[in-house]
Amino acid sequence: MMDFLQRAWGALRGAIPGLFRSRMAAPDWTADRARILLVGPSGAGKSTLVNALLGEGTAEAGSGAPVTRGTTWYGRNSALPVALGDTRGLESVASADQVAALEAALSALAAGRRPHLVWLVINAEGGRAFSGAGTLGALAASLRQAGIPFLVVLTHAEPGEKAHAELRTRIAAVMGDVPIAAVNTLPLMGEDGAVLLPVHGVEALWRASLPFLPALAVRP
């Protein structure tokens, strides 16, 4: 136990020093809102999900290198009574330290500052490894132990529960019986202007999240 705490402390102070300044603890204005924390690899589409729910331009979004630095909470001026915590994307080189830091930070939060729900965001087009240290699978185990509910969000996903069957099977093998929501927040267009992959799944994701949120949360 002491070894884990020392590693987590080292990760917090050294590997990811910005996490102390990242407002992992939800700010005061989130007290009367449902709090959802978004965690996932860089480029998975966390910031784009924030924009899909709270309005385009709410969060700066991009692909590849992390756009979000630390954790930023959005939704203060939204009519929807929800606060979304957009975290820095997990990077393959430092993911073990990042996951350890997230685990330590979440376990240290008072009940009134903890997220009500965590969205584990995975790009369905690629799908990162889920088992071992520094993965969403490891984080899911820690969340379950801490009593913080979570669900998996597949971004850039085809519609339908049967889509990405192999990926869903891999997730279930590592994370167990976890709700999985498939979404696509921006239309994929062909060269001829045809819509190859439509926007879908955001309202379904919200409905899947509602059972884990306070009664004050309503449909968008």
Protein backbone atom coordinates (compact mmCIF):
# COMPACT_ATOMS: atom_id res chain seq x y z
CA MET A 1 0.00 0.00 0.00
CA MET A 2 2.81 2.38 0.93
CA ASP A 3 4.58 1.58 -2.32
CA PHE A 4 1.44 2.44 -4.29
CA LEU A 5 1.04 5.74 -2.41
CA GLN A 6 4.68 6.63 -3.05
CA ARG A 7 4.32 5.88 -6.76
CA ALA A 8 1.10 7.86 -6.96
CA TRP A 9 2.68 10.79 -5.11
CA GLY A 10 5.65 10.69 -7.44
CA ALA A 11 3.33 10.69 -10.44
CA LEU A 12 1.38 13.61 -9.08
CA ARG A 13 4.45 15.72 -8.32
CA GLY A 14 6.74 14.68 -11.13
CA ALA A 15 5.27 12.98 -14.15
CA ILE A 16 2.19 15.17 -14.37
CA PRO A 17 2.78 18.27 -12.23
CA GLY A 18 -0.04 20.14 -13.94
CA LEU A 19 -2.60 17.81 -12.39
CA PHE A 20 -2.40 19.71 -9.09
CA ARG A 21 -3.48 22.82 -10.98
CA SER A 22 -6.02 21.01 -13.13
CA ARG A 23 -9.12 21.38 -10.91
CA MET A 24 -9.71 17.63 -10.73
CA ALA A 25 -11.94 18.53 -7.78
CA ALA A 26 -15.16 19.92 -9.19
CA PRO A 27 -15.43 23.68 -8.52
CA ASP A 28 -18.06 25.21 -6.25
CA TRP A 29 -20.45 26.07 -9.07
CA THR A 30 -20.93 22.36 -9.84
CA ALA A 31 -22.56 21.68 -6.47
CA ASP A 32 -26.09 21.77 -7.92
CA ARG A 33 -25.18 19.99 -11.15
CA ALA A 34 -24.58 16.41 -12.20
CA ARG A 35 -20.81 15.93 -12.50
CA ILE A 36 -19.37 13.75 -15.27
CA LEU A 37 -15.62 13.26 -15.75
CA LEU A 38 -14.33 12.32 -19.23
CA VAL A 39 -11.19 10.17 -19.40
CA GLY A 40 -9.53 8.58 -22.43
CA PRO A 41 -6.56 8.54 -24.81
CA SER A 42 -5.48 11.61 -26.75
CA GLY A 43 -7.62 12.09 -29.83
CA ALA A 44 -10.48 9.91 -28.55
CA GLY A 45 -12.95 12.78 -28.86
CA LYS A 46 -13.53 13.88 -25.25
CA SER A 47 -13.61 17.61 -26.03
CA THR A 48 -15.84 16.99 -29.04
CA LEU A 49 -18.26 15.15 -26.75
CA VAL A 50 -18.33 18.19 -24.47
CA ASN A 51 -19.24 20.35 -27.47
CA ALA A 52 -21.92 17.91 -28.62
CA LEU A 53 -23.67 18.08 -25.27
CA LEU A 54 -23.09 21.70 -24.24
CA GLY A 55 -22.77 23.42 -27.61
CA GLU A 56 -20.17 23.76 -30.35
CA GLY A 57 -17.17 25.82 -29.30
CA THR A 58 -17.52 25.11 -25.57
CA ALA A 59 -14.25 23.18 -25.48
CA GLU A 60 -11.23 23.43 -27.77
CA ALA A 61 -11.02 20.21 -29.72
CA GLY A 62 -8.42 18.68 -32.01
CA SER A 63 -6.76 15.39 -32.89
CA GLY A 64 -3.40 13.81 -32.17
CA ALA A 65 -1.50 15.74 -29.47
CA PRO A 66 -3.56 16.62 -26.38
CA VAL A 67 -5.49 19.87 -26.68
CA THR A 68 -6.81 19.85 -23.11
CA ARG A 69 -4.23 20.62 -20.43
CA GLY A 70 -5.10 19.24 -17.02
CA THR A 71 -8.81 19.06 -16.22
CA THR A 72 -11.27 21.76 -17.28
CA TRP A 73 -14.87 21.84 -16.08
CA TYR A 74 -17.56 23.04 -18.48
CA GLY A 75 -21.26 23.80 -18.12
CA ARG A 76 -21.38 26.74 -15.73
CA ASN A 77 -23.59 28.79 -18.04
CA SER A 78 -25.44 25.89 -19.64
CA ALA A 79 -29.19 25.44 -19.30
CA LEU A 80 -28.49 21.73 -18.87
CA PRO A 81 -27.78 21.02 -15.17
CA VAL A 82 -24.58 19.11 -15.82
CA ALA A 83 -20.87 19.83 -15.39
CA LEU A 84 -18.44 18.00 -17.67
CA GLY A 85 -14.82 17.59 -16.58
CA ASP A 86 -12.61 17.28 -19.67
CA THR A 87 -9.27 15.68 -18.74
CA ARG A 88 -5.92 15.69 -20.52
CA GLY A 89 -5.69 12.80 -22.97
CA LEU A 90 -3.80 9.70 -21.87
CA GLU A 91 -0.55 9.35 -23.81
CA SER A 92 1.06 5.97 -24.39
CA VAL A 93 4.47 6.94 -22.98
CA ALA A 94 3.13 8.41 -19.74
CA SER A 95 -0.23 6.65 -19.40
CA ALA A 96 0.78 4.53 -16.37
CA ASP A 97 1.78 7.64 -14.45
CA GLN A 98 -1.33 9.47 -15.63
CA VAL A 99 -3.67 6.68 -14.55
CA ALA A 100 -1.92 6.42 -11.16
CA ALA A 101 -2.31 10.18 -10.73
CA LEU A 102 -5.99 10.05 -11.67
CA GLU A 103 -6.60 7.21 -9.21
CA ALA A 104 -4.85 9.08 -6.40
CA ALA A 105 -6.61 12.36 -7.17
CA LEU A 106 -10.07 10.76 -7.31
CA SER A 107 -9.56 8.81 -4.09
CA ALA A 108 -8.54 12.01 -2.28
CA LEU A 109 -11.68 13.95 -3.25
CA ALA A 110 -14.43 14.66 -0.75
CA ALA A 111 -17.83 13.24 -1.65
CA GLY A 112 -19.16 16.63 -2.70
CA ARG A 113 -16.31 17.09 -5.16
CA ARG A 114 -16.26 13.68 -6.76
CA PRO A 115 -17.80 13.00 -10.16
CA HIS A 116 -21.16 11.26 -10.12
CA LEU A 117 -20.12 9.36 -13.26
CA VAL A 118 -17.01 8.79 -15.38
CA TRP A 119 -17.14 8.40 -19.14
CA LEU A 120 -14.28 6.21 -20.37
CA VAL A 121 -13.90 7.47 -23.94
CA ILE A 122 -12.47 5.18 -26.65
CA ASN A 123 -12.08 5.88 -30.35
CA ALA A 124 -13.88 2.96 -32.01
CA GLU A 125 -11.73 3.33 -35.13
CA GLY A 126 -8.58 2.37 -33.28
CA GLY A 127 -9.39 1.00 -29.85
CA ARG A 128 -6.45 1.08 -27.44
CA ALA A 129 -5.33 -1.86 -25.29
CA PHE A 130 -7.41 -2.13 -22.13
CA SER A 131 -5.45 -4.43 -19.83
CA GLY A 132 -2.35 -3.76 -17.76
CA ALA A 133 -1.01 -0.74 -15.91
CA GLY A 134 -1.77 2.66 -17.35
CA THR A 135 -4.90 1.65 -19.25
CA LEU A 136 -8.59 2.41 -19.06
CA GLY A 137 -9.07 -1.17 -17.87
CA ALA A 138 -6.88 -0.47 -14.83
CA LEU A 139 -8.72 2.78 -14.18
CA ALA A 140 -12.08 1.02 -14.47
CA ALA A 141 -11.03 -1.44 -11.77
CA SER A 142 -10.05 1.43 -9.48
CA LEU A 143 -13.31 3.26 -10.14
CA ARG A 144 -15.32 0.15 -9.34
CA GLN A 145 -13.38 -0.32 -6.09
CA ALA A 146 -13.97 3.34 -5.17
CA GLY A 147 -17.69 3.06 -5.90
CA ILE A 148 -17.63 5.61 -8.73
CA PRO A 149 -19.87 4.45 -11.60
CA PHE A 150 -18.59 4.55 -15.17
CA LEU A 151 -19.61 3.70 -18.67
CA VAL A 152 -17.69 3.32 -21.92
CA VAL A 153 -18.27 5.77 -24.76
CA LEU A 154 -17.23 4.61 -28.23
CA THR A 155 -16.61 7.66 -30.42
CA HIS A 156 -16.44 7.75 -34.25
CA ALA A 157 -18.65 4.68 -33.96
CA GLU A 158 -21.08 3.04 -36.34
CA PRO A 159 -24.68 3.09 -35.07
CA GLY A 160 -26.31 0.01 -33.59
CA GLU A 161 -25.59 -2.32 -30.69
CA LYS A 162 -24.08 -4.93 -33.04
CA ALA A 163 -21.51 -2.54 -34.50
CA HIS A 164 -17.90 -2.97 -33.33
CA ALA A 165 -18.75 -6.38 -31.87
CA GLU A 166 -15.11 -7.44 -31.51
CA LEU A 167 -14.20 -4.23 -29.70
CA ARG A 168 -17.19 -4.59 -27.38
CA THR A 169 -16.12 -8.14 -26.58
CA ARG A 170 -12.60 -7.00 -25.72
CA ILE A 171 -13.95 -4.27 -23.46
CA ALA A 172 -16.25 -6.70 -21.66
CA ALA A 173 -13.41 -9.19 -21.18
CA VAL A 174 -11.37 -6.58 -19.29
CA MET A 175 -13.99 -4.34 -17.67
CA GLY A 176 -16.80 -6.81 -17.08
CA ASP A 177 -20.46 -5.90 -17.42
CA VAL A 178 -20.21 -2.19 -18.24
CA PRO A 179 -22.68 -0.07 -20.23
CA ILE A 180 -21.32 0.87 -23.67
CA ALA A 181 -22.67 3.81 -25.67
CA ALA A 182 -21.74 4.33 -29.34
CA VAL A 183 -21.72 7.90 -30.65
CA ASN A 184 -20.56 9.96 -33.58
CA THR A 185 -20.56 13.68 -32.92
CA LEU A 186 -19.51 15.04 -36.33
CA PRO A 187 -20.74 13.77 -39.72
CA LEU A 188 -18.25 11.90 -41.87
CA MET A 189 -18.59 13.18 -45.42
CA GLY A 190 -17.54 11.54 -48.66
CA GLU A 191 -15.78 13.35 -51.48
CA ASP A 192 -19.09 13.65 -53.30
CA GLY A 193 -20.72 15.31 -50.31
CA ALA A 194 -22.64 12.22 -49.25
CA VAL A 195 -22.90 11.49 -45.53
CA LEU A 196 -20.93 8.31 -44.86
CA LEU A 197 -21.44 8.31 -41.08
CA PRO A 198 -24.19 10.49 -39.59
CA VAL A 199 -24.25 12.17 -36.22
CA HIS A 200 -25.90 9.83 -33.73
CA GLY A 201 -25.91 8.54 -30.20
CA VAL A 202 -25.56 11.69 -28.08
CA GLU A 203 -29.09 11.59 -26.69
CA ALA A 204 -28.77 7.83 -26.15
CA LEU A 205 -25.54 8.43 -24.22
CA TRP A 206 -27.33 10.97 -22.05
CA ARG A 207 -30.20 8.54 -21.38
CA ALA A 208 -27.70 5.80 -20.48
CA SER A 209 -26.03 8.21 -18.04
CA LEU A 210 -29.19 9.37 -16.26
CA PRO A 211 -29.51 6.36 -13.88
CA PHE A 212 -26.14 7.30 -12.38
CA LEU A 213 -26.86 11.01 -11.98
CA PRO A 214 -28.77 13.01 -9.36
CA ALA A 215 -32.46 13.54 -9.94
CA LEU A 216 -31.80 17.18 -10.86
CA ALA A 217 -30.37 16.09 -14.23
CA VAL A 218 -32.89 16.26 -17.08
CA ARG A 219 -32.82 15.42 -20.76
CA PRO A 220 -31.22 18.00 -23.08
